Amino acid sequence: MPTTTKKIWLWFIPLALVAAAASSAGVYTYVMRERAHTQATRTASAVLLLVNVAPMTVNLHSANDEPAMLYVGFNLEVGNEATRKLLELYMPKIRSQLLTVLSGQDSTALSTPEGKKALAARILELLRRALSTEQPDAALLGVLYTDFIVQ
């Protein structure tokens, strides 16, 4: 009887080791596949869509009535291809509205970081309103300045 029990254990131990190795390989494969999927998703979402707005020069208001000028260029960060195409389609209208908004700014306010942030927020608000009739869910994410000179 002890010999039979020994034989069972001799077969059971290698069988258990093979089962453990197989399950470990399965878990490893599953984890690596999930990690690759997560990495691919992260890479796809990391693609930055930008719409370039050519630099503009406008006259500004000044507190002491001295002539002031703003030279500004920026990129619009968008969340999807549809918004990018819509912005490019309506760029002449958008530039016209931007020139009106920019020329109404105060030169001293634009010289501060807060003024630049407020202007970026105002630009986004203007664009959302302008595009709301064509694409209510326009994905406008931000204004990224490339040129900004106040003189």
C-alpha atoms as a PDB file:
ATOM      1  CA  MET A   1       0.000   0.000   0.000  1.00  0.00           C
ATOM      2  CA  PRO A   2       2.728   2.529   0.801  1.00  0.00           C
ATOM      3  CA  THR A   3       4.254   1.862  -2.613  1.00  0.00           C
ATOM      4  CA  THR A   4       1.015   2.794  -4.377  1.00  0.00           C
ATOM      5  CA  THR A   5       0.744   6.036  -2.400  1.00  0.00           C
ATOM      6  CA  LYS A   6       4.347   6.847  -3.290  1.00  0.00           C
ATOM      7  CA  LYS A   7       3.644   6.248  -6.981  1.00  0.00           C
ATOM      8  CA  ILE A   8       0.612   8.528  -6.849  1.00  0.00           C
ATOM      9  CA  TRP A   9       2.681  11.289  -5.257  1.00  0.00           C
ATOM     10  CA  LEU A  10       5.459  10.782  -7.802  1.00  0.00           C
ATOM     11  CA  TRP A  11       2.928  11.397 -10.572  1.00  0.00           C
ATOM     12  CA  PHE A  12       1.069  14.153  -8.734  1.00  0.00           C
ATOM     13  CA  ILE A  13       4.096  16.394  -8.035  1.00  0.00           C
ATOM     14  CA  PRO A  14       5.260  16.790 -11.694  1.00  0.00           C
ATOM     15  CA  LEU A  15       1.646  17.147 -12.791  1.00  0.00           C
ATOM     16  CA  ALA A  16       1.103  19.932 -10.232  1.00  0.00           C
ATOM     17  CA  LEU A  17       4.314  21.658 -11.371  1.00  0.00           C
ATOM     18  CA  VAL A  18       3.214  21.531 -15.016  1.00  0.00           C
ATOM     19  CA  ALA A  19      -0.230  22.902 -14.073  1.00  0.00           C
ATOM     20  CA  ALA A  20       1.373  25.723 -12.053  1.00  0.00           C
ATOM     21  CA  ALA A  21       3.707  26.576 -14.935  1.00  0.00           C
ATOM     22  CA  ALA A  22       0.831  26.582 -17.420  1.00  0.00           C
ATOM     23  CA  SER A  23      -1.325  28.832 -15.246  1.00  0.00           C
ATOM     24  CA  SER A  24       1.626  31.182 -14.663  1.00  0.00           C
ATOM     25  CA  ALA A  25       2.204  31.382 -18.408  1.00  0.00           C
ATOM     26  CA  GLY A  26      -1.494  32.105 -18.944  1.00  0.00           C
ATOM     27  CA  VAL A  27      -1.517  34.887 -16.359  1.00  0.00           C
ATOM     28  CA  TYR A  28       1.693  36.348 -17.804  1.00  0.00           C
ATOM     29  CA  THR A  29       0.232  36.328 -21.327  1.00  0.00           C
ATOM     30  CA  TYR A  30      -2.999  37.958 -20.137  1.00  0.00           C
ATOM     31  CA  VAL A  31      -1.176  40.685 -18.190  1.00  0.00           C
ATOM     32  CA  MET A  32       1.169  41.461 -21.083  1.00  0.00           C
ATOM     33  CA  ARG A  33      -1.721  41.628 -23.551  1.00  0.00           C
ATOM     34  CA  GLU A  34      -3.613  44.041 -21.263  1.00  0.00           C
ATOM     35  CA  ARG A  35      -0.496  46.158 -20.810  1.00  0.00           C
ATOM     36  CA  ALA A  36       0.027  46.343 -24.583  1.00  0.00           C
ATOM     37  CA  HIS A  37      -3.630  47.305 -25.075  1.00  0.00           C
ATOM     38  CA  THR A  38      -3.369  50.024 -22.414  1.00  0.00           C
ATOM     39  CA  GLN A  39      -0.157  51.341 -23.970  1.00  0.00           C
ATOM     40  CA  ALA A  40      -1.766  51.443 -27.431  1.00  0.00           C
ATOM     41  CA  THR A  41      -4.762  53.324 -26.032  1.00  0.00           C
ATOM     42  CA  ARG A  42      -2.486  55.782 -24.251  1.00  0.00           C
ATOM     43  CA  THR A  43      -0.497  56.346 -27.437  1.00  0.00           C
ATOM     44  CA  ALA A  44      -3.651  56.905 -29.480  1.00  0.00           C
ATOM     45  CA  SER A  45      -5.016  59.408 -26.978  1.00  0.00           C
ATOM     46  CA  ALA A  46      -1.647  61.153 -26.727  1.00  0.00           C
ATOM     47  CA  VAL A  47      -1.848  62.345 -30.342  1.00  0.00           C
ATOM     48  CA  LEU A  48      -2.173  66.096 -30.182  1.00  0.00           C
ATOM     49  CA  LEU A  49      -4.381  67.707 -32.821  1.00  0.00           C
ATOM     50  CA  LEU A  50      -3.491  71.335 -33.451  1.00  0.00           C
ATOM     51  CA  VAL A  51      -4.899  73.963 -35.770  1.00  0.00           C
ATOM     52  CA  ASN A  52      -2.474  76.749 -36.545  1.00  0.00           C
ATOM     53  CA  VAL A  53      -3.791  80.303 -36.511  1.00  0.00           C
ATOM     54  CA  ALA A  54      -1.397  82.515 -38.446  1.00  0.00           C
ATOM     55  CA  PRO A  55       0.087  85.422 -36.476  1.00  0.00           C
ATOM     56  CA  MET A  56      -1.908  88.664 -36.383  1.00  0.00           C
ATOM     57  CA  THR A  57      -0.983  92.242 -35.589  1.00  0.00           C
ATOM     58  CA  VAL A  58      -3.611  94.541 -34.074  1.00  0.00           C
ATOM     59  CA  ASN A  59      -3.719  97.953 -32.443  1.00  0.00           C
ATOM     60  CA  LEU A  60      -4.618  97.947 -28.753  1.00  0.00           C
ATOM     61  CA  HIS A  61      -6.221 100.291 -26.284  1.00  0.00           C
ATOM     62  CA  SER A  62      -3.845 101.882 -23.840  1.00  0.00           C
ATOM     63  CA  ALA A  63      -4.578 103.390 -20.429  1.00  0.00           C
ATOM     64  CA  ASN A  64      -2.633 106.564 -21.236  1.00  0.00           C
ATOM     65  CA  ASP A  65      -3.781 106.783 -24.893  1.00  0.00           C
ATOM     66  CA  GLU A  66      -0.347 105.890 -26.247  1.00  0.00           C
ATOM     67  CA  PRO A  67      -0.264 103.735 -29.350  1.00  0.00           C
ATOM     68  CA  ALA A  68       0.088 100.044 -28.526  1.00  0.00           C
ATOM     69  CA  MET A  69       0.305  96.960 -30.667  1.00  0.00           C
ATOM     70  CA  LEU A  70      -0.191  93.216 -30.195  1.00  0.00           C
ATOM     71  CA  TYR A  71       1.487  90.599 -32.362  1.00  0.00           C
ATOM     72  CA  VAL A  72       0.025  87.196 -31.536  1.00  0.00           C
ATOM     73  CA  GLY A  73       0.121  83.753 -33.090  1.00  0.00           C
ATOM     74  CA  PHE A  74      -1.228  80.564 -31.579  1.00  0.00           C
ATOM     75  CA  ASN A  75      -2.354  77.011 -32.123  1.00  0.00           C
ATOM     76  CA  LEU A  76      -5.765  75.717 -31.141  1.00  0.00           C
ATOM     77  CA  GLU A  77      -5.710  72.353 -29.404  1.00  0.00           C
ATOM     78  CA  VAL A  78      -8.688  70.272 -30.512  1.00  0.00           C
ATOM     79  CA  GLY A  79      -9.978  66.915 -29.356  1.00  0.00           C
ATOM     80  CA  ASN A  80     -11.029  65.333 -32.639  1.00  0.00           C
ATOM     81  CA  GLU A  81     -10.559  65.424 -36.384  1.00  0.00           C
ATOM     82  CA  ALA A  82     -14.060  66.785 -37.066  1.00  0.00           C
ATOM     83  CA  THR A  83     -13.379  69.909 -35.005  1.00  0.00           C
ATOM     84  CA  ARG A  84     -10.006  70.383 -36.711  1.00  0.00           C
ATOM     85  CA  LYS A  85     -11.608  70.227 -40.167  1.00  0.00           C
ATOM     86  CA  LEU A  86     -14.399  72.587 -39.141  1.00  0.00           C
ATOM     87  CA  LEU A  87     -11.911  75.153 -37.815  1.00  0.00           C
ATOM     88  CA  GLU A  88      -9.897  75.002 -41.023  1.00  0.00           C
ATOM     89  CA  LEU A  89     -13.072  75.410 -43.090  1.00  0.00           C
ATOM     90  CA  TYR A  90     -14.218  78.488 -41.147  1.00  0.00           C
ATOM     91  CA  MET A  91     -10.751  80.013 -40.599  1.00  0.00           C
ATOM     92  CA  PRO A  92     -11.440  83.279 -42.525  1.00  0.00           C
ATOM     93  CA  LYS A  93     -14.557  83.951 -40.415  1.00  0.00           C
ATOM     94  CA  ILE A  94     -12.709  82.960 -37.241  1.00  0.00           C
ATOM     95  CA  ARG A  95      -9.752  85.247 -38.028  1.00  0.00           C
ATOM     96  CA  SER A  96     -12.134  88.149 -38.622  1.00  0.00           C
ATOM     97  CA  GLN A  97     -13.817  87.624 -35.256  1.00  0.00           C
ATOM     98  CA  LEU A  98     -10.444  87.166 -33.553  1.00  0.00           C
ATOM     99  CA  LEU A  99      -9.168  90.468 -34.962  1.00  0.00           C
ATOM    100  CA  THR A 100     -12.199  92.230 -33.502  1.00  0.00           C
ATOM    101  CA  VAL A 101     -11.729  90.637 -30.079  1.00  0.00           C
ATOM    102  CA  LEU A 102      -7.970  91.187 -30.022  1.00  0.00           C
ATOM    103  CA  SER A 103      -8.181  94.849 -31.015  1.00  0.00           C
ATOM    104  CA  GLY A 104     -10.503  95.510 -28.076  1.00  0.00           C
ATOM    105  CA  GLN A 105      -7.937  94.390 -25.490  1.00  0.00           C
ATOM    106  CA  ASP A 106      -6.010  96.608 -23.082  1.00  0.00           C
ATOM    107  CA  SER A 107      -2.230  96.584 -23.516  1.00  0.00           C
ATOM    108  CA  THR A 108      -1.424  96.700 -19.790  1.00  0.00           C
ATOM    109  CA  ALA A 109      -3.690  93.747 -19.012  1.00  0.00           C
ATOM    110  CA  LEU A 110      -2.083  91.625 -21.742  1.00  0.00           C
ATOM    111  CA  SER A 111       1.369  92.208 -20.271  1.00  0.00           C
ATOM    112  CA  THR A 112       0.579  89.952 -17.296  1.00  0.00           C
ATOM    113  CA  PRO A 113       0.292  86.151 -17.237  1.00  0.00           C
ATOM    114  CA  GLU A 114      -3.276  86.478 -15.944  1.00  0.00           C
ATOM    115  CA  GLY A 115      -4.138  88.713 -18.895  1.00  0.00           C
ATOM    116  CA  LYS A 116      -2.787  86.138 -21.333  1.00  0.00           C
ATOM    117  CA  LYS A 117      -4.804  83.374 -19.642  1.00  0.00           C
ATOM    118  CA  ALA A 118      -7.940  85.531 -19.714  1.00  0.00           C
ATOM    119  CA  LEU A 119      -7.400  86.234 -23.412  1.00  0.00           C
ATOM    120  CA  ALA A 120      -7.003  82.499 -24.117  1.00  0.00           C
ATOM    121  CA  ALA A 121     -10.272  81.827 -22.270  1.00  0.00           C
ATOM    122  CA  ARG A 122     -11.999  84.579 -24.240  1.00  0.00           C
ATOM    123  CA  ILE A 123     -10.708  83.138 -27.528  1.00  0.00           C
ATOM    124  CA  LEU A 124     -12.030  79.689 -26.609  1.00  0.00           C
ATOM    125  CA  GLU A 125     -15.406  81.175 -25.667  1.00  0.00           C
ATOM    126  CA  LEU A 126     -15.569  83.046 -28.979  1.00  0.00           C
ATOM    127  CA  LEU A 127     -14.720  79.911 -30.959  1.00  0.00           C
ATOM    128  CA  ARG A 128     -17.220  77.750 -29.091  1.00  0.00           C
ATOM    129  CA  ARG A 129     -19.955  80.273 -29.834  1.00  0.00           C
ATOM    130  CA  ALA A 130     -18.910  80.554 -33.485  1.00  0.00           C
ATOM    131  CA  LEU A 131     -18.879  76.781 -33.998  1.00  0.00           C
ATOM    132  CA  SER A 132     -21.922  75.924 -31.869  1.00  0.00           C
ATOM    133  CA  THR A 133     -24.328  76.128 -34.807  1.00  0.00           C
ATOM    134  CA  GLU A 134     -22.218  73.852 -37.024  1.00  0.00           C
ATOM    135  CA  GLN A 135     -20.937  71.417 -34.417  1.00  0.00           C
ATOM    136  CA  PRO A 136     -22.506  71.739 -30.941  1.00  0.00           C
ATOM    137  CA  ASP A 137     -20.008  69.296 -29.439  1.00  0.00           C
ATOM    138  CA  ALA A 138     -16.899  71.019 -30.827  1.00  0.00           C
ATOM    139  CA  ALA A 139     -13.892  69.733 -28.895  1.00  0.00           C
ATOM    140  CA  LEU A 140     -11.851  72.875 -28.298  1.00  0.00           C
ATOM    141  CA  LEU A 141      -9.301  72.115 -25.587  1.00  0.00           C
ATOM    142  CA  GLY A 142      -6.962  75.057 -25.400  1.00  0.00           C
ATOM    143  CA  VAL A 143      -5.036  77.964 -26.863  1.00  0.00           C
ATOM    144  CA  LEU A 144      -1.279  77.479 -27.148  1.00  0.00           C
ATOM    145  CA  TYR A 145       0.540  80.740 -27.859  1.00  0.00           C
ATOM    146  CA  THR A 146       3.419  80.569 -30.328  1.00  0.00           C
ATOM    147  CA  ASP A 147       4.027  84.335 -30.596  1.00  0.00           C
ATOM    148  CA  PHE A 148       2.990  87.041 -28.153  1.00  0.00           C
ATOM    149  CA  ILE A 149       4.436  90.551 -28.287  1.00  0.00           C
ATOM    150  CA  VAL A 150       2.870  93.652 -26.750  1.00  0.00           C
ATOM    151  CA  GLN A 151       4.505  96.979 -27.619  1.00  0.00           C
END
